Amino acid sequence: MIKYLFGIVLLLCISCGNKEDILLPKADRTVVKDVVDLSPIYIFFRIKGKDTLAEVNRKNSIGTTNWVLNIDKRLPLRLVIPEVMKMQEKKRGDSAHKNETAENYYSYADSIGKNLAFIPFTKVYYKMEKPKNGVIVFFDKNNKILVNSKEIAKNDLENHIKNNSSNNDVYYCFDKNMNFGTYVNLKIFVKSIEWKFISNHEFAY
């Protein structure tokens, strides 16, 4: 427990010594427990007047390391995903400092195991639009799941995908107004679904 709490506090501090609050997502399982040789990157939740802002601090990012993105769970995907896309593009395009084994992770707190945890997203390609074809699995901000506009129960999703996708690509899509905390939990959920036609392109709209 002490190690768990220390880890959470550690993530709330940037290297220059200024303490900044980030509310990490919480989930009930650990996907990856340990990440070494990492660069921490922070996306903070900010309010300016009536606007919500995502403020990025990536001063400590080194292209050849594993990147761990610590993102405030309150931020909507419409603000988070464009920033993530910029970072992915920079890392993928930096041929002078490329490390093929380096991964990208989101951090979160495992509320059951009482430890920091991580989920990889290195191979995900994001788009801020709706896919033009294929099987569209849409997660809305109110916890509904729609497959090509038909509502499906969460427990039935895997069977529905396998029985109805045929040879079509399956695309995971997310409500752009969904908060990042909900998104991480959905990422953990869909990671358990193994199907050869699931695309590594994700959409937010």
Protein backbone atom coordinates (compact mmCIF):
# COMPACT_ATOMS: atom_id res chain seq x y z
CA MET A 1 0.00 0.00 0.00
CA ILE A 2 2.81 2.43 0.87
CA LYS A 3 4.52 1.74 -2.44
CA TYR A 4 1.22 2.29 -4.27
CA LEU A 5 0.54 5.62 -2.58
CA PHE A 6 4.11 6.78 -3.15
CA GLY A 7 3.76 5.98 -6.83
CA ILE A 8 0.59 8.04 -7.13
CA VAL A 9 2.21 11.02 -5.41
CA LEU A 10 5.28 10.66 -7.60
CA LEU A 11 3.18 11.02 -10.72
CA LEU A 12 1.82 14.30 -9.46
CA CYS A 13 5.23 15.91 -9.52
CA ILE A 14 7.18 17.08 -12.53
CA SER A 15 10.95 16.95 -12.56
CA CYS A 16 11.55 20.63 -11.92
CA GLY A 17 10.07 20.19 -8.46
CA ASN A 18 6.78 22.02 -8.98
CA LYS A 19 3.85 19.95 -7.76
CA GLU A 20 0.99 19.63 -10.20
CA ASP A 21 -2.20 17.69 -9.61
CA ILE A 22 -3.19 14.98 -12.07
CA LEU A 23 -6.13 12.72 -11.29
CA LEU A 24 -5.20 9.42 -12.88
CA PRO A 25 -7.81 7.01 -14.25
CA LYS A 26 -8.68 4.05 -12.03
CA ALA A 27 -9.38 0.49 -13.11
CA ASP A 28 -9.80 -2.89 -11.43
CA ARG A 29 -6.96 -4.78 -13.11
CA THR A 30 -3.36 -4.36 -14.22
CA VAL A 31 -2.42 -4.76 -17.88
CA VAL A 32 1.29 -3.96 -17.47
CA LYS A 33 2.78 -3.54 -14.00
CA ASP A 34 6.33 -2.35 -14.63
CA VAL A 35 7.85 -0.06 -17.23
CA VAL A 36 11.57 0.72 -17.19
CA ASP A 37 13.70 3.15 -19.19
CA LEU A 38 10.82 5.59 -19.43
CA SER A 39 10.13 9.21 -20.15
CA PRO A 40 7.15 10.67 -18.23
CA ILE A 41 4.83 13.00 -20.13
CA TYR A 42 2.00 14.89 -18.44
CA ILE A 43 -1.27 16.29 -19.75
CA PHE A 44 -2.90 18.51 -17.15
CA PHE A 45 -6.53 19.52 -16.71
CA ARG A 46 -6.91 23.30 -16.83
CA ILE A 47 -9.86 25.67 -16.63
CA LYS A 48 -9.62 29.11 -18.25
CA GLY A 49 -12.84 31.06 -17.95
CA LYS A 50 -15.51 28.73 -19.32
CA ASP A 51 -13.06 26.65 -21.33
CA THR A 52 -11.40 23.36 -20.44
CA LEU A 53 -7.82 23.08 -21.64
CA ALA A 54 -5.28 20.25 -21.94
CA GLU A 55 -1.82 21.47 -20.98
CA VAL A 56 1.05 19.24 -22.09
CA ASN A 57 4.40 18.95 -20.34
CA ARG A 58 6.80 16.74 -22.27
CA LYS A 59 10.08 18.39 -21.26
CA ASN A 60 11.52 15.08 -20.12
CA SER A 61 10.61 13.02 -23.19
CA ILE A 62 13.47 11.18 -24.88
CA GLY A 63 12.66 9.57 -28.21
CA THR A 64 14.57 6.34 -27.59
CA THR A 65 12.78 5.52 -24.31
CA ASN A 66 9.36 4.15 -23.42
CA TRP A 67 6.92 7.05 -23.13
CA VAL A 68 4.45 7.00 -20.25
CA LEU A 69 1.59 9.46 -20.67
CA ASN A 70 0.07 10.57 -17.38
CA ILE A 71 -3.23 12.16 -18.37
CA ASP A 72 -5.86 13.69 -16.12
CA LYS A 73 -8.95 11.49 -16.21
CA ARG A 74 -11.30 14.51 -16.37
CA LEU A 75 -10.09 15.66 -19.79
CA PRO A 76 -12.36 14.90 -22.78
CA LEU A 77 -10.98 12.91 -25.69
CA ARG A 78 -11.53 15.85 -28.05
CA LEU A 79 -8.66 17.59 -26.22
CA VAL A 80 -6.51 14.57 -25.38
CA ILE A 81 -6.38 12.66 -28.66
CA PRO A 82 -5.05 15.53 -30.85
CA GLU A 83 -2.16 15.98 -28.40
CA VAL A 84 -1.45 12.25 -28.37
CA MET A 85 -1.48 12.21 -32.17
CA LYS A 86 1.11 15.00 -32.31
CA MET A 87 3.42 13.10 -29.96
CA GLN A 88 3.01 9.82 -31.82
CA GLU A 89 3.77 11.48 -35.15
CA LYS A 90 6.90 13.10 -33.76
CA LYS A 91 8.19 9.87 -32.23
CA ARG A 92 7.40 7.78 -35.31
CA GLY A 93 9.04 10.31 -37.60
CA ASP A 94 12.19 10.88 -35.56
CA SER A 95 14.45 8.52 -37.52
CA ALA A 96 17.61 9.94 -35.94
CA HIS A 97 16.56 8.79 -32.46
CA LYS A 98 14.43 5.76 -33.24
CA ASN A 99 14.26 2.74 -30.95
CA GLU A 100 12.10 0.01 -32.47
CA THR A 101 11.55 -1.64 -29.08
CA ALA A 102 10.35 1.52 -27.30
CA GLU A 103 6.64 1.53 -26.41
CA ASN A 104 4.03 4.15 -25.52
CA TYR A 105 1.83 3.64 -22.46
CA TYR A 106 -1.02 5.33 -20.63
CA SER A 107 -0.73 5.22 -16.85
CA TYR A 108 -3.58 4.53 -14.44
CA ALA A 109 -4.17 3.29 -10.90
CA ASP A 110 -5.20 -0.29 -10.24
CA SER A 111 -7.68 0.18 -7.40
CA ILE A 112 -7.76 -3.56 -6.61
CA GLY A 113 -4.06 -4.42 -6.79
CA LYS A 114 -3.15 -1.05 -5.24
CA ASN A 115 -0.41 -0.32 -7.74
CA LEU A 116 0.37 1.91 -10.68
CA ALA A 117 -0.40 0.20 -13.95
CA PHE A 118 0.07 0.86 -17.64
CA ILE A 119 -1.64 0.02 -20.91
CA PRO A 120 0.27 0.16 -24.22
CA PHE A 121 -1.01 2.08 -27.22
CA THR A 122 2.12 2.11 -29.41
CA LYS A 123 0.44 0.51 -32.42
CA VAL A 124 -2.75 2.57 -32.28
CA TYR A 125 -3.34 5.12 -35.02
CA TYR A 126 -5.90 7.75 -34.04
CA LYS A 127 -8.27 9.71 -36.24
CA MET A 128 -10.68 12.47 -35.26
CA GLU A 129 -13.42 11.38 -37.63
CA LYS A 130 -15.89 8.58 -38.33
CA PRO A 131 -14.71 5.56 -40.34
CA LYS A 132 -16.20 5.36 -43.80
CA ASN A 133 -16.88 1.60 -43.81
CA GLY A 134 -16.44 -1.61 -41.85
CA VAL A 135 -17.99 -2.67 -38.56
CA ILE A 136 -18.20 0.44 -36.38
CA VAL A 137 -18.19 -0.21 -32.65
CA PHE A 138 -19.07 3.10 -31.01
CA PHE A 139 -18.73 3.74 -27.28
CA ASP A 140 -20.73 6.79 -26.26
CA LYS A 141 -20.14 8.94 -23.18
CA ASN A 142 -23.26 7.52 -21.48
CA ASN A 143 -21.88 3.94 -21.43
CA LYS A 144 -23.87 2.72 -24.41
CA ILE A 145 -22.26 0.51 -27.05
CA LEU A 146 -23.53 0.79 -30.61
CA VAL A 147 -22.44 -1.59 -33.37
CA ASN A 148 -23.37 -0.02 -36.72
CA SER A 149 -26.01 2.01 -34.82
CA LYS A 150 -27.51 -1.04 -33.06
CA GLU A 151 -27.21 -1.03 -29.27
CA ILE A 152 -25.39 -4.08 -27.88
CA ALA A 153 -24.94 -5.18 -24.27
CA LYS A 154 -21.34 -5.03 -23.07
CA ASN A 155 -21.27 -8.75 -22.23
CA ASP A 156 -22.48 -9.62 -25.73
CA LEU A 157 -20.00 -7.46 -27.64
CA GLU A 158 -17.32 -10.07 -28.31
CA ASN A 159 -19.76 -12.66 -29.69
CA HIS A 160 -21.56 -10.02 -31.72
CA ILE A 161 -18.32 -8.87 -33.33
CA LYS A 162 -17.21 -12.40 -34.19
CA ASN A 163 -20.61 -13.40 -35.55
CA ASN A 164 -21.22 -10.29 -37.63
CA SER A 165 -17.89 -8.94 -38.86
CA SER A 166 -17.29 -11.58 -41.59
CA ASN A 167 -14.22 -10.27 -43.45
CA ASN A 168 -14.84 -6.63 -42.60
CA ASP A 169 -12.49 -4.60 -40.46
CA VAL A 170 -13.76 -3.77 -36.98
CA TYR A 171 -13.13 -0.21 -35.80
CA TYR A 172 -13.32 0.96 -32.20
CA CYS A 173 -14.78 4.44 -32.04
CA PHE A 174 -15.25 6.70 -29.03
CA ASP A 175 -17.39 9.71 -28.22
CA LYS A 176 -15.06 12.70 -28.43
CA ASN A 177 -16.75 14.17 -25.33
CA MET A 178 -16.00 11.04 -23.26
CA ASN A 179 -13.57 11.67 -20.42
CA PHE A 180 -10.16 10.04 -20.51
CA GLY A 181 -10.83 7.97 -17.38
CA THR A 182 -13.75 6.22 -19.08
CA TYR A 183 -11.68 5.71 -22.22
CA VAL A 184 -8.90 3.91 -20.33
CA ASN A 185 -11.40 1.53 -18.75
CA LEU A 186 -12.87 0.77 -22.18
CA LYS A 187 -9.38 0.20 -23.58
CA ILE A 188 -8.78 -2.37 -20.85
CA PHE A 189 -12.14 -4.01 -21.58
CA VAL A 190 -11.65 -4.35 -25.36
CA LYS A 191 -8.09 -5.62 -24.92
CA SER A 192 -9.63 -8.94 -23.85
CA ILE A 193 -11.41 -9.30 -27.21
CA GLU A 194 -9.20 -11.13 -29.69
CA TRP A 195 -10.39 -11.09 -33.27
CA LYS A 196 -8.25 -10.99 -36.41
CA PHE A 197 -10.25 -8.24 -38.09
CA ILE A 198 -9.98 -5.67 -35.28
CA SER A 199 -8.18 -2.65 -36.70
CA ASN A 200 -5.38 -0.78 -34.96
CA HIS A 201 -7.00 2.47 -36.11
CA GLU A 202 -9.18 4.13 -33.46
CA PHE A 203 -11.59 6.97 -34.05
CA ALA A 204 -12.94 9.77 -31.86
CA TYR A 205 -15.86 11.89 -33.08
